[in-house]
């Protein structure tokens, strides 16, 4: 019932579909653990544990300054958006012609998925997200970001006590979110971090040395 993934590198193009005004320069996840109670699915919560998350971002290049690599990533992102739109259209057309259920209906599978999502227990620890910008204000580069020791989110009842709600409605969901050691910083006239090698060439051990995670 457990799935453990270790030392993951975040692909920069993985976030392209979100159409953010920034580009991911580097990303690393130390450990992702999924605890799935298969024998009690829908009766016990699915637990997600993420430890050591680092994301380094910089401004998204405009059309005039795009490198060939960036053009390819942008093109791939557009293709993904088109494919997603086509798939959604085809599925909607198929359901309409067959008279099938519409997502959000009262089907058993939809209720099960809603119950799983609604009761999801998530813990994220040792987070550092950093944004470096040497373009917006020429001659005055800056860096901003935040660090977080721990974020924990659980489903709670009306009294704020942790609970498992088998009939939870996602639009009426109650979650308790707990933050530990959240810090925000802004460094003016701060040059981007420089390494003796490329970010994508760092091994897991070097990531832990380069990035000041919280412990």
Protein backbone atom coordinates (compact mmCIF):
# COMPACT_ATOMS: atom_id res chain seq x y z
CA UNK A 1 0.00 0.00 0.00
CA UNK A 2 3.01 2.32 0.08
CA UNK A 3 4.73 3.95 -2.86
CA UNK A 4 8.03 5.73 -2.21
CA UNK A 5 9.80 7.85 -4.81
CA UNK A 6 13.20 9.34 -4.00
CA UNK A 7 15.53 11.97 -5.43
CA UNK A 8 13.30 13.33 -8.18
CA UNK A 9 14.27 16.10 -10.57
CA UNK A 10 11.43 18.39 -11.57
CA UNK A 11 11.17 18.82 -15.33
CA UNK A 12 10.93 22.51 -16.17
CA UNK A 13 8.22 21.89 -18.77
CA UNK A 14 6.07 20.05 -16.21
CA UNK A 15 4.56 23.36 -15.08
CA UNK A 16 4.16 24.89 -18.54
CA UNK A 17 0.48 23.95 -18.71
CA UNK A 18 -0.19 26.27 -15.74
CA UNK A 19 0.78 29.24 -17.93
CA UNK A 20 2.69 30.92 -15.11
CA UNK A 21 4.58 34.19 -15.77
CA UNK A 22 7.76 32.43 -14.66
CA UNK A 23 9.88 29.56 -15.91
CA UNK A 24 11.23 26.80 -13.70
CA UNK A 25 15.01 26.79 -13.91
CA UNK A 26 15.55 23.86 -11.57
CA UNK A 27 13.53 21.69 -9.22
CA UNK A 28 14.13 18.82 -6.87
CA UNK A 29 11.99 16.62 -4.63
CA UNK A 30 13.77 14.49 -2.04
CA UNK A 31 10.99 12.01 -1.24
CA UNK A 32 7.33 11.46 -2.17
CA UNK A 33 5.51 8.81 -0.15
CA UNK A 34 1.96 7.65 -0.92
CA UNK A 35 0.15 5.52 1.65
CA UNK A 36 -2.96 3.99 0.08
CA UNK A 37 -5.24 1.79 2.26
CA UNK A 38 -6.41 -0.42 -0.63
CA UNK A 39 -8.45 -2.73 1.61
CA UNK A 40 -10.23 0.23 3.21
CA UNK A 41 -10.30 2.65 0.30
CA UNK A 42 -13.13 5.10 0.87
CA UNK A 43 -13.09 4.40 4.62
CA UNK A 44 -9.59 5.52 5.57
CA UNK A 45 -7.60 8.52 4.27
CA UNK A 46 -4.95 8.36 1.60
CA UNK A 47 -1.75 9.93 2.96
CA UNK A 48 0.69 11.95 0.87
CA UNK A 49 4.10 12.86 2.34
CA UNK A 50 6.49 15.14 0.46
CA UNK A 51 9.91 15.96 1.92
CA UNK A 52 12.58 18.36 0.64
CA UNK A 53 10.99 20.38 -2.15
CA UNK A 54 13.06 23.00 -3.96
CA UNK A 55 12.02 25.10 -6.94
CA UNK A 56 14.15 27.79 -8.57
CA UNK A 57 12.29 30.06 -11.00
CA UNK A 58 13.09 33.05 -13.18
CA UNK A 59 11.05 35.34 -15.46
CA UNK A 60 9.44 33.74 -18.48
CA UNK A 61 11.25 34.98 -21.61
CA UNK A 62 9.26 37.07 -24.07
CA UNK A 63 8.92 36.16 -27.71
CA UNK A 64 11.86 38.33 -28.81
CA UNK A 65 14.42 36.81 -26.44
CA UNK A 66 13.41 33.16 -26.61
CA UNK A 67 16.20 30.67 -27.06
CA UNK A 68 15.64 27.69 -29.34
CA UNK A 69 15.31 25.41 -26.30
CA UNK A 70 12.68 27.73 -24.79
CA UNK A 71 10.80 27.84 -28.10
CA UNK A 72 10.62 24.06 -28.13
CA UNK A 73 9.30 23.98 -24.55
CA UNK A 74 6.70 26.63 -25.37
CA UNK A 75 5.65 24.68 -28.46
CA UNK A 76 5.32 21.47 -26.44
CA UNK A 77 3.19 23.27 -23.85
CA UNK A 78 0.87 24.57 -26.57
CA UNK A 79 0.57 21.06 -28.02
CA UNK A 80 -0.37 19.70 -24.59
CA UNK A 81 -3.08 22.35 -24.23
CA UNK A 82 -4.49 21.55 -27.68
CA UNK A 83 -4.48 17.80 -26.99
CA UNK A 84 -6.19 18.30 -23.63
CA UNK A 85 -8.87 20.48 -25.23
CA UNK A 86 -9.44 17.95 -28.03
CA UNK A 87 -9.70 15.07 -25.56
CA UNK A 88 -12.20 16.94 -23.40
CA UNK A 89 -14.29 17.80 -26.47
CA UNK A 90 -14.29 14.21 -27.74
CA UNK A 91 -15.25 12.83 -24.33
CA UNK A 92 -18.08 15.33 -23.94
CA UNK A 93 -19.36 14.52 -27.44
CA UNK A 94 -19.19 10.78 -26.76
CA UNK A 95 -21.12 11.07 -23.51
CA UNK A 96 -23.72 13.28 -25.11
CA UNK A 97 -24.31 10.88 -28.02
CA UNK A 98 -24.48 7.85 -25.75
CA UNK A 99 -26.48 9.52 -23.03
CA UNK A 100 -23.75 8.65 -20.53
CA UNK A 101 -23.27 10.27 -17.14
CA UNK A 102 -21.80 13.73 -16.90
CA UNK A 103 -18.81 14.22 -14.58
CA UNK A 104 -20.06 15.43 -11.23
CA UNK A 105 -23.02 13.10 -11.25
CA UNK A 106 -23.92 10.62 -8.52
CA UNK A 107 -22.03 7.66 -9.91
CA UNK A 108 -20.32 5.31 -7.45
CA UNK A 109 -16.88 6.02 -8.93
CA UNK A 110 -17.35 9.78 -8.72
CA UNK A 111 -18.44 9.51 -5.09
CA UNK A 112 -15.43 7.34 -4.28
CA UNK A 113 -13.03 9.78 -5.93
CA UNK A 114 -14.66 12.70 -4.12
CA UNK A 115 -14.33 10.87 -0.81
CA UNK A 116 -10.64 10.11 -1.44
CA UNK A 117 -9.83 13.70 -2.45
CA UNK A 118 -11.91 15.19 0.33
CA UNK A 119 -10.18 13.16 3.03
CA UNK A 120 -6.66 13.37 1.64
CA UNK A 121 -4.00 13.91 4.32
CA UNK A 122 -1.07 15.89 2.98
CA UNK A 123 2.21 16.74 4.70
CA UNK A 124 4.92 18.76 2.94
CA UNK A 125 8.17 19.41 4.77
CA UNK A 126 11.43 21.24 4.13
CA UNK A 127 10.36 23.54 1.30
CA UNK A 128 12.35 26.28 -0.39
CA UNK A 129 10.93 28.13 -3.41
CA UNK A 130 13.12 30.89 -4.85
CA UNK A 131 12.56 33.41 -7.65
CA UNK A 132 15.53 35.19 -9.25
CA UNK A 133 15.04 38.17 -11.54
CA UNK A 134 17.85 40.04 -13.32
CA UNK A 135 15.62 41.32 -16.15
CA UNK A 136 12.74 43.38 -14.71
CA UNK A 137 14.99 46.09 -13.24
CA UNK A 138 18.17 46.26 -15.31
CA UNK A 139 21.28 46.64 -13.18
CA UNK A 140 19.46 45.72 -9.98
CA UNK A 141 18.86 41.96 -9.86
CA UNK A 142 16.84 40.64 -6.97
CA UNK A 143 15.72 37.37 -5.46
CA UNK A 144 12.58 36.56 -3.49
CA UNK A 145 11.31 33.36 -1.98
CA UNK A 146 10.02 31.51 1.00
CA UNK A 147 11.04 28.59 3.15
CA UNK A 148 8.73 26.31 5.08
CA UNK A 149 9.56 23.67 7.64
CA UNK A 150 6.20 21.88 7.45
CA UNK A 151 2.70 22.15 6.03
CA UNK A 152 0.06 19.64 7.14
CA UNK A 153 -3.55 19.55 5.89
CA UNK A 154 -6.29 17.25 7.24
CA UNK A 155 -10.07 17.07 7.02
CA UNK A 156 -11.87 18.29 10.13
CA UNK A 157 -15.43 18.42 11.46
CA UNK A 158 -17.40 21.49 12.57
CA UNK A 159 -15.51 21.53 15.87
CA UNK A 160 -12.10 21.47 14.19
CA UNK A 161 -11.32 17.85 15.09
CA UNK A 162 -9.70 15.55 12.54
CA UNK A 163 -12.29 13.29 10.95
CA UNK A 164 -13.08 11.07 7.97
CA UNK A 165 -16.22 12.12 6.11
CA UNK A 166 -17.43 9.43 3.72
CA UNK A 167 -20.14 11.71 2.34
CA UNK A 168 -18.00 14.79 1.95
CA UNK A 169 -18.98 17.35 -0.69
CA UNK A 170 -15.92 19.00 -2.21
CA UNK A 171 -17.60 22.41 -2.24
CA UNK A 172 -18.31 22.14 1.51
CA UNK A 173 -14.96 20.75 2.53
CA UNK A 174 -13.38 21.67 5.85
CA UNK A 175 -9.61 21.48 6.07
CA UNK A 176 -7.24 22.36 8.87
CA UNK A 177 -3.90 23.62 7.58
CA UNK A 178 -0.94 23.83 9.93
CA UNK A 179 2.24 25.75 9.08
CA UNK A 180 5.57 25.52 10.85
CA UNK A 181 8.41 28.03 10.47
CA UNK A 182 7.17 29.88 7.39
CA UNK A 183 9.64 32.57 6.32
CA UNK A 184 9.60 35.00 3.40
CA UNK A 185 12.63 36.90 2.13
CA UNK A 186 13.51 39.50 -0.49
CA UNK A 187 17.13 40.25 -1.41
CA UNK A 188 17.70 43.39 -3.48
CA UNK A 189 20.79 43.72 -5.67
CA UNK A 190 21.27 39.97 -5.34
CA UNK A 191 22.88 38.10 -8.21
CA UNK A 192 21.52 34.69 -9.25
CA UNK A 193 23.04 31.65 -7.62
CA UNK A 194 25.95 30.29 -9.63
CA UNK A 195 27.23 26.73 -9.51
CA UNK A 196 30.33 25.08 -10.95
CA UNK A 197 28.03 22.81 -12.96
CA UNK A 198 24.54 22.95 -14.46
CA UNK A 199 21.56 22.54 -12.14
CA UNK A 200 20.34 19.52 -14.08
CA UNK A 201 23.71 17.80 -13.56
CA UNK A 202 23.52 17.90 -9.75
CA UNK A 203 23.23 14.55 -8.03
CA UNK A 204 20.96 14.08 -4.96
CA UNK A 205 23.80 14.56 -2.50
CA UNK A 206 24.88 17.82 -4.12
CA UNK A 207 21.30 19.16 -4.02
CA UNK A 208 21.27 18.79 -0.23
CA UNK A 209 24.57 20.71 0.00
CA UNK A 210 23.61 23.53 -2.37
CA UNK A 211 20.06 24.22 -1.21
CA UNK A 212 19.56 25.42 2.39
CA UNK A 213 16.66 23.16 3.37
CA UNK A 214 15.11 23.43 6.80
CA UNK A 215 15.63 20.62 9.28
